[in-house]
N, C-alpha and C. Protein backbone atom coordinates (compact mmCIF):
# COMPACT_ATOMS: atom_id res chain seq x y z
N MET A 1 -11.78 -11.92 -7.80
CA MET A 1 -13.19 -11.74 -8.07
C MET A 1 -13.43 -12.07 -9.54
N ARG A 2 -14.39 -12.92 -9.80
CA ARG A 2 -14.72 -13.35 -11.16
C ARG A 2 -15.97 -12.60 -11.64
N LYS A 3 -15.99 -12.20 -12.89
CA LYS A 3 -17.11 -11.38 -13.38
C LYS A 3 -18.09 -12.18 -14.23
N VAL A 4 -19.32 -11.69 -14.26
CA VAL A 4 -20.35 -12.23 -15.13
C VAL A 4 -20.04 -11.72 -16.55
N VAL A 5 -19.96 -12.65 -17.52
CA VAL A 5 -19.54 -12.26 -18.86
C VAL A 5 -20.56 -12.60 -19.95
N HIS A 6 -21.65 -13.27 -19.59
CA HIS A 6 -22.56 -13.76 -20.62
C HIS A 6 -23.89 -14.12 -19.95
N PHE A 7 -24.96 -14.11 -20.72
CA PHE A 7 -26.24 -14.62 -20.22
C PHE A 7 -26.84 -15.51 -21.29
N GLU A 8 -27.74 -16.39 -20.89
CA GLU A 8 -28.45 -17.25 -21.83
C GLU A 8 -29.92 -17.31 -21.46
N ILE A 9 -30.76 -17.31 -22.49
CA ILE A 9 -32.20 -17.38 -22.29
C ILE A 9 -32.73 -18.60 -23.05
N PRO A 10 -33.32 -19.56 -22.34
CA PRO A 10 -33.92 -20.71 -23.03
C PRO A 10 -35.32 -20.33 -23.54
N ALA A 11 -35.76 -21.02 -24.58
CA ALA A 11 -37.09 -20.74 -25.14
C ALA A 11 -37.71 -22.01 -25.70
N ASP A 12 -39.01 -22.16 -25.49
CA ASP A 12 -39.73 -23.26 -26.11
C ASP A 12 -39.91 -22.99 -27.60
N ASP A 13 -40.21 -21.74 -27.94
CA ASP A 13 -40.40 -21.31 -29.33
C ASP A 13 -39.34 -20.24 -29.60
N LEU A 14 -38.23 -20.66 -30.17
CA LEU A 14 -37.10 -19.76 -30.37
C LEU A 14 -37.45 -18.58 -31.28
N GLU A 15 -38.22 -18.82 -32.32
CA GLU A 15 -38.60 -17.72 -33.22
C GLU A 15 -39.43 -16.67 -32.49
N ARG A 16 -40.35 -17.13 -31.66
CA ARG A 16 -41.19 -16.20 -30.88
C ARG A 16 -40.32 -15.40 -29.91
N ALA A 17 -39.37 -16.06 -29.25
CA ALA A 17 -38.49 -15.38 -28.30
C ALA A 17 -37.61 -14.35 -29.01
N LYS A 18 -37.08 -14.72 -30.17
CA LYS A 18 -36.24 -13.79 -30.93
C LYS A 18 -37.05 -12.56 -31.36
N GLU A 19 -38.27 -12.78 -31.80
CA GLU A 19 -39.13 -11.66 -32.20
C GLU A 19 -39.41 -10.75 -31.00
N PHE A 20 -39.70 -11.34 -29.86
CA PHE A 20 -39.98 -10.58 -28.64
C PHE A 20 -38.78 -9.72 -28.24
N TYR A 21 -37.63 -10.34 -28.03
CA TYR A 21 -36.46 -9.60 -27.54
C TYR A 21 -35.91 -8.62 -28.57
N GLY A 22 -35.99 -9.00 -29.84
CA GLY A 22 -35.54 -8.09 -30.88
C GLY A 22 -36.41 -6.86 -30.99
N SER A 23 -37.74 -7.05 -30.92
CA SER A 23 -38.64 -5.91 -31.09
C SER A 23 -38.76 -5.06 -29.82
N VAL A 24 -38.81 -5.69 -28.67
CA VAL A 24 -38.98 -4.93 -27.42
C VAL A 24 -37.70 -4.20 -27.00
N PHE A 25 -36.55 -4.87 -27.11
CA PHE A 25 -35.30 -4.29 -26.61
C PHE A 25 -34.33 -3.86 -27.70
N GLY A 26 -34.63 -4.19 -28.96
CA GLY A 26 -33.75 -3.80 -30.05
C GLY A 26 -32.46 -4.60 -30.11
N TRP A 27 -32.45 -5.79 -29.49
CA TRP A 27 -31.25 -6.62 -29.51
C TRP A 27 -31.02 -7.17 -30.90
N GLU A 28 -29.74 -7.30 -31.29
CA GLU A 28 -29.37 -7.92 -32.55
C GLU A 28 -29.23 -9.42 -32.32
N LEU A 29 -29.84 -10.22 -33.18
CA LEU A 29 -29.85 -11.67 -33.02
C LEU A 29 -29.25 -12.33 -34.26
N ALA A 30 -28.30 -13.24 -34.03
CA ALA A 30 -27.64 -13.93 -35.14
C ALA A 30 -27.64 -15.43 -34.87
N ASP A 31 -28.27 -16.19 -35.76
CA ASP A 31 -28.34 -17.64 -35.60
C ASP A 31 -27.00 -18.29 -35.91
N MET A 32 -26.69 -19.32 -35.13
CA MET A 32 -25.53 -20.19 -35.37
C MET A 32 -26.09 -21.60 -35.55
N PRO A 33 -26.57 -21.93 -36.75
CA PRO A 33 -27.26 -23.21 -36.98
C PRO A 33 -26.42 -24.43 -36.61
N GLU A 34 -25.10 -24.35 -36.82
CA GLU A 34 -24.25 -25.49 -36.50
C GLU A 34 -24.23 -25.82 -35.01
N MET A 35 -24.62 -24.85 -34.18
CA MET A 35 -24.66 -25.07 -32.73
C MET A 35 -26.09 -25.05 -32.20
N ASP A 36 -27.08 -24.82 -33.06
CA ASP A 36 -28.47 -24.68 -32.64
C ASP A 36 -28.55 -23.62 -31.53
N TYR A 37 -28.00 -22.44 -31.82
CA TYR A 37 -27.82 -21.38 -30.84
C TYR A 37 -28.02 -20.05 -31.54
N THR A 38 -28.50 -19.04 -30.81
CA THR A 38 -28.65 -17.69 -31.32
C THR A 38 -27.82 -16.75 -30.47
N VAL A 39 -26.91 -16.03 -31.09
CA VAL A 39 -26.09 -15.04 -30.40
C VAL A 39 -26.93 -13.78 -30.22
N VAL A 40 -26.89 -13.20 -29.02
CA VAL A 40 -27.66 -12.01 -28.70
C VAL A 40 -26.70 -10.86 -28.39
N LYS A 41 -26.81 -9.78 -29.17
CA LYS A 41 -26.00 -8.59 -28.91
C LYS A 41 -26.91 -7.53 -28.29
N THR A 42 -26.59 -7.17 -27.04
CA THR A 42 -27.32 -6.12 -26.35
C THR A 42 -26.55 -4.81 -26.38
N THR A 43 -25.28 -4.89 -26.82
CA THR A 43 -24.40 -3.74 -26.81
C THR A 43 -23.39 -3.91 -27.95
N PRO A 44 -22.86 -2.81 -28.49
CA PRO A 44 -21.87 -2.94 -29.57
C PRO A 44 -20.63 -3.72 -29.12
N VAL A 45 -19.96 -4.34 -30.11
CA VAL A 45 -18.76 -5.11 -29.82
C VAL A 45 -17.57 -4.55 -30.60
N ASP A 46 -16.38 -4.81 -30.08
CA ASP A 46 -15.15 -4.52 -30.78
C ASP A 46 -15.07 -5.50 -31.95
N GLU A 47 -14.88 -5.02 -33.15
CA GLU A 47 -14.90 -5.88 -34.34
C GLU A 47 -13.81 -6.95 -34.32
N GLN A 48 -12.66 -6.65 -33.72
CA GLN A 48 -11.57 -7.63 -33.69
C GLN A 48 -11.80 -8.72 -32.65
N THR A 49 -12.18 -8.32 -31.43
CA THR A 49 -12.31 -9.30 -30.34
C THR A 49 -13.72 -9.86 -30.21
N GLN A 50 -14.70 -9.16 -30.75
CA GLN A 50 -16.12 -9.51 -30.61
C GLN A 50 -16.61 -9.39 -29.16
N LEU A 51 -15.83 -8.74 -28.31
CA LEU A 51 -16.22 -8.49 -26.92
C LEU A 51 -16.93 -7.14 -26.84
N PRO A 52 -17.82 -6.96 -25.84
CA PRO A 52 -18.50 -5.67 -25.71
C PRO A 52 -17.50 -4.52 -25.62
N SER A 53 -17.77 -3.45 -26.36
CA SER A 53 -16.87 -2.30 -26.35
C SER A 53 -17.20 -1.33 -25.21
N GLU A 54 -18.33 -1.53 -24.55
CA GLU A 54 -18.74 -0.69 -23.44
C GLU A 54 -18.39 -1.38 -22.12
N PRO A 55 -17.61 -0.73 -21.24
CA PRO A 55 -17.24 -1.37 -19.97
C PRO A 55 -18.47 -1.80 -19.17
N GLY A 56 -18.42 -3.03 -18.66
CA GLY A 56 -19.50 -3.55 -17.82
C GLY A 56 -20.66 -4.16 -18.57
N ALA A 57 -20.72 -3.98 -19.88
CA ALA A 57 -21.82 -4.53 -20.67
C ALA A 57 -21.54 -6.00 -21.01
N ILE A 58 -22.60 -6.79 -21.17
CA ILE A 58 -22.45 -8.18 -21.60
C ILE A 58 -23.44 -8.49 -22.71
N ASN A 59 -23.09 -9.47 -23.49
CA ASN A 59 -23.98 -10.00 -24.51
C ASN A 59 -24.33 -11.43 -24.12
N GLY A 60 -25.13 -12.10 -24.92
CA GLY A 60 -25.55 -13.43 -24.51
C GLY A 60 -25.99 -14.29 -25.65
N GLY A 61 -26.92 -15.19 -25.34
CA GLY A 61 -27.42 -16.12 -26.34
C GLY A 61 -28.77 -16.67 -25.95
N MET A 62 -29.37 -17.37 -26.91
CA MET A 62 -30.65 -18.07 -26.69
C MET A 62 -30.51 -19.46 -27.26
N TYR A 63 -31.21 -20.39 -26.64
CA TYR A 63 -31.23 -21.76 -27.15
C TYR A 63 -32.61 -22.36 -26.92
N ARG A 64 -32.87 -23.40 -27.68
CA ARG A 64 -34.14 -24.12 -27.55
C ARG A 64 -34.12 -24.90 -26.24
N ARG A 65 -35.15 -24.71 -25.42
CA ARG A 65 -35.24 -25.38 -24.12
C ARG A 65 -35.19 -26.89 -24.34
N SER A 66 -34.35 -27.58 -23.54
CA SER A 66 -34.20 -29.04 -23.63
C SER A 66 -33.73 -29.58 -22.29
N ALA A 67 -33.67 -30.88 -22.19
CA ALA A 67 -33.21 -31.53 -20.95
C ALA A 67 -31.70 -31.40 -20.79
N GLU A 68 -30.98 -30.99 -21.83
CA GLU A 68 -29.52 -30.92 -21.79
C GLU A 68 -28.97 -29.61 -21.24
N ALA A 69 -29.83 -28.63 -21.00
CA ALA A 69 -29.38 -27.33 -20.52
C ALA A 69 -30.41 -26.80 -19.52
N PRO A 70 -30.01 -25.85 -18.69
CA PRO A 70 -30.97 -25.28 -17.74
C PRO A 70 -32.20 -24.72 -18.45
N SER A 71 -33.35 -24.86 -17.80
CA SER A 71 -34.61 -24.40 -18.40
C SER A 71 -34.98 -22.99 -17.94
N VAL A 72 -34.08 -22.33 -17.25
CA VAL A 72 -34.29 -20.96 -16.77
C VAL A 72 -33.13 -20.10 -17.27
N PRO A 73 -33.28 -18.76 -17.31
CA PRO A 73 -32.17 -17.92 -17.72
C PRO A 73 -30.92 -18.17 -16.85
N VAL A 74 -29.77 -18.07 -17.49
CA VAL A 74 -28.49 -18.41 -16.84
C VAL A 74 -27.51 -17.24 -16.97
N LEU A 75 -26.85 -16.91 -15.87
CA LEU A 75 -25.71 -15.99 -15.90
C LEU A 75 -24.46 -16.84 -15.97
N THR A 76 -23.48 -16.41 -16.77
CA THR A 76 -22.25 -17.17 -16.96
C THR A 76 -21.07 -16.38 -16.40
N ILE A 77 -20.24 -17.08 -15.64
CA ILE A 77 -19.12 -16.47 -14.93
C ILE A 77 -17.81 -16.90 -15.59
N ASP A 78 -16.93 -15.95 -15.83
CA ASP A 78 -15.63 -16.21 -16.43
C ASP A 78 -14.69 -16.83 -15.38
N VAL A 79 -14.03 -17.92 -15.74
CA VAL A 79 -13.07 -18.59 -14.85
C VAL A 79 -11.80 -18.91 -15.62
N ASN A 80 -10.71 -19.11 -14.89
CA ASN A 80 -9.45 -19.51 -15.53
C ASN A 80 -9.51 -20.97 -15.98
N SER A 81 -10.19 -21.79 -15.19
CA SER A 81 -10.27 -23.22 -15.47
C SER A 81 -11.66 -23.74 -15.09
N VAL A 82 -12.42 -24.22 -16.06
CA VAL A 82 -13.73 -24.81 -15.78
C VAL A 82 -13.57 -26.00 -14.85
N ASP A 83 -12.57 -26.85 -15.11
CA ASP A 83 -12.38 -28.04 -14.29
C ASP A 83 -12.12 -27.70 -12.83
N ASP A 84 -11.22 -26.74 -12.58
CA ASP A 84 -10.92 -26.33 -11.21
C ASP A 84 -12.15 -25.71 -10.53
N ALA A 85 -12.87 -24.87 -11.28
CA ALA A 85 -14.06 -24.22 -10.72
C ALA A 85 -15.11 -25.26 -10.34
N LEU A 86 -15.32 -26.29 -11.18
CA LEU A 86 -16.31 -27.33 -10.87
C LEU A 86 -15.92 -28.09 -9.61
N LYS A 87 -14.63 -28.33 -9.41
CA LYS A 87 -14.18 -29.00 -8.18
C LYS A 87 -14.51 -28.14 -6.95
N GLU A 88 -14.24 -26.84 -7.05
CA GLU A 88 -14.54 -25.93 -5.94
C GLU A 88 -16.03 -25.86 -5.69
N ILE A 89 -16.81 -25.82 -6.75
CA ILE A 89 -18.27 -25.75 -6.63
C ILE A 89 -18.80 -26.97 -5.89
N GLU A 90 -18.36 -28.16 -6.30
CA GLU A 90 -18.81 -29.39 -5.64
C GLU A 90 -18.36 -29.44 -4.18
N ALA A 91 -17.15 -29.00 -3.90
CA ALA A 91 -16.64 -28.99 -2.53
C ALA A 91 -17.43 -28.04 -1.64
N ALA A 92 -18.01 -27.00 -2.25
CA ALA A 92 -18.77 -26.01 -1.48
C ALA A 92 -20.26 -26.31 -1.44
N GLY A 93 -20.68 -27.46 -1.97
CA GLY A 93 -22.09 -27.85 -1.89
C GLY A 93 -22.88 -27.65 -3.16
N GLY A 94 -22.22 -27.23 -4.25
CA GLY A 94 -22.90 -27.09 -5.54
C GLY A 94 -22.92 -28.43 -6.27
N ARG A 95 -23.59 -28.44 -7.43
CA ARG A 95 -23.72 -29.68 -8.20
C ARG A 95 -23.51 -29.38 -9.68
N VAL A 96 -22.78 -30.25 -10.36
CA VAL A 96 -22.54 -30.10 -11.79
C VAL A 96 -23.79 -30.54 -12.55
N LEU A 97 -24.28 -29.66 -13.43
CA LEU A 97 -25.42 -29.99 -14.30
C LEU A 97 -24.93 -30.50 -15.65
N ARG A 98 -23.92 -29.84 -16.19
CA ARG A 98 -23.30 -30.25 -17.45
C ARG A 98 -21.80 -30.06 -17.29
N PRO A 99 -21.03 -31.13 -17.47
CA PRO A 99 -19.58 -31.01 -17.29
C PRO A 99 -18.95 -30.16 -18.38
N ARG A 100 -17.68 -29.96 -18.25
CA ARG A 100 -16.90 -29.19 -19.23
C ARG A 100 -17.27 -29.62 -20.64
N THR A 101 -17.61 -28.64 -21.48
CA THR A 101 -17.96 -28.88 -22.86
C THR A 101 -17.14 -27.92 -23.72
N GLU A 102 -16.38 -28.45 -24.64
CA GLU A 102 -15.51 -27.65 -25.50
C GLU A 102 -16.28 -27.02 -26.65
N ILE A 103 -15.93 -25.79 -26.99
CA ILE A 103 -16.38 -25.14 -28.21
C ILE A 103 -15.08 -24.85 -28.97
N PRO A 104 -14.77 -25.65 -29.98
CA PRO A 104 -13.48 -25.54 -30.67
C PRO A 104 -13.14 -24.12 -31.11
N GLY A 105 -11.93 -23.72 -30.77
CA GLY A 105 -11.45 -22.40 -31.15
C GLY A 105 -11.94 -21.26 -30.30
N MET A 106 -12.85 -21.53 -29.37
CA MET A 106 -13.41 -20.46 -28.55
C MET A 106 -13.10 -20.65 -27.07
N GLY A 107 -13.39 -21.85 -26.55
CA GLY A 107 -13.20 -22.09 -25.13
C GLY A 107 -14.00 -23.28 -24.66
N ALA A 108 -14.41 -23.24 -23.41
CA ALA A 108 -15.19 -24.33 -22.82
C ALA A 108 -16.18 -23.75 -21.83
N PHE A 109 -17.31 -24.48 -21.66
CA PHE A 109 -18.32 -24.05 -20.69
C PHE A 109 -18.81 -25.23 -19.89
N ALA A 110 -19.53 -24.93 -18.83
CA ALA A 110 -20.20 -25.94 -18.00
C ALA A 110 -21.36 -25.26 -17.32
N TYR A 111 -22.32 -26.06 -16.85
CA TYR A 111 -23.43 -25.55 -16.05
C TYR A 111 -23.38 -26.20 -14.68
N PHE A 112 -23.81 -25.46 -13.67
CA PHE A 112 -23.86 -25.99 -12.31
C PHE A 112 -25.02 -25.37 -11.55
N THR A 113 -25.35 -25.96 -10.41
CA THR A 113 -26.30 -25.31 -9.49
C THR A 113 -25.56 -24.99 -8.21
N ASP A 114 -25.96 -23.87 -7.60
CA ASP A 114 -25.41 -23.52 -6.30
C ASP A 114 -26.21 -24.27 -5.23
N PRO A 115 -25.83 -24.15 -3.95
CA PRO A 115 -26.56 -24.87 -2.90
C PRO A 115 -28.03 -24.46 -2.77
N GLU A 116 -28.41 -23.32 -3.36
CA GLU A 116 -29.80 -22.86 -3.31
C GLU A 116 -30.62 -23.38 -4.48
N GLY A 117 -29.97 -24.10 -5.40
CA GLY A 117 -30.66 -24.65 -6.55
C GLY A 117 -30.68 -23.76 -7.79
N ASN A 118 -29.95 -22.63 -7.76
CA ASN A 118 -29.89 -21.73 -8.90
C ASN A 118 -28.92 -22.28 -9.94
N ALA A 119 -29.31 -22.26 -11.20
CA ALA A 119 -28.45 -22.71 -12.29
C ALA A 119 -27.61 -21.54 -12.79
N LEU A 120 -26.32 -21.79 -12.96
CA LEU A 120 -25.38 -20.79 -13.51
C LEU A 120 -24.44 -21.49 -14.47
N GLY A 121 -23.69 -20.68 -15.22
CA GLY A 121 -22.73 -21.23 -16.16
C GLY A 121 -21.33 -20.77 -15.84
N LEU A 122 -20.36 -21.50 -16.39
CA LEU A 122 -18.95 -21.15 -16.31
C LEU A 122 -18.42 -21.01 -17.73
N TRP A 123 -17.46 -20.12 -17.93
CA TRP A 123 -16.82 -19.96 -19.23
C TRP A 123 -15.32 -19.84 -19.05
N GLU A 124 -14.58 -20.59 -19.87
CA GLU A 124 -13.12 -20.53 -19.90
C GLU A 124 -12.72 -20.22 -21.33
N ASN A 125 -12.00 -19.11 -21.54
CA ASN A 125 -11.53 -18.77 -22.88
C ASN A 125 -10.47 -19.76 -23.33
N ALA A 126 -10.42 -20.00 -24.65
CA ALA A 126 -9.42 -20.91 -25.22
C ALA A 126 -8.03 -20.31 -25.05
């Protein structure tokens, strides 16, 4: 059984979205300009691993809506191998939206749709 480990929220106006989620839910937001991405902390993290310290909790991110990523919120599933998971997804009727993409020193991700048209993500730790 693979678990959901991350979420992502796209936004047309990233500053407006950050203001909304930060003020309404008290989420901590940290920009990563080199990736054009905002890290979203919904729960405290272990300082060494940067993983949520509360069992079952997840953190996420926000990005500027574009044609290169899903335009709807995405749940991301942890897998041992993005490549193997994409093969299984396609064999089961899913479709690759974005192939394996490396994040140096962290891991790799991909986006796909299930047979119902829902967009989801995959994550493989480095």
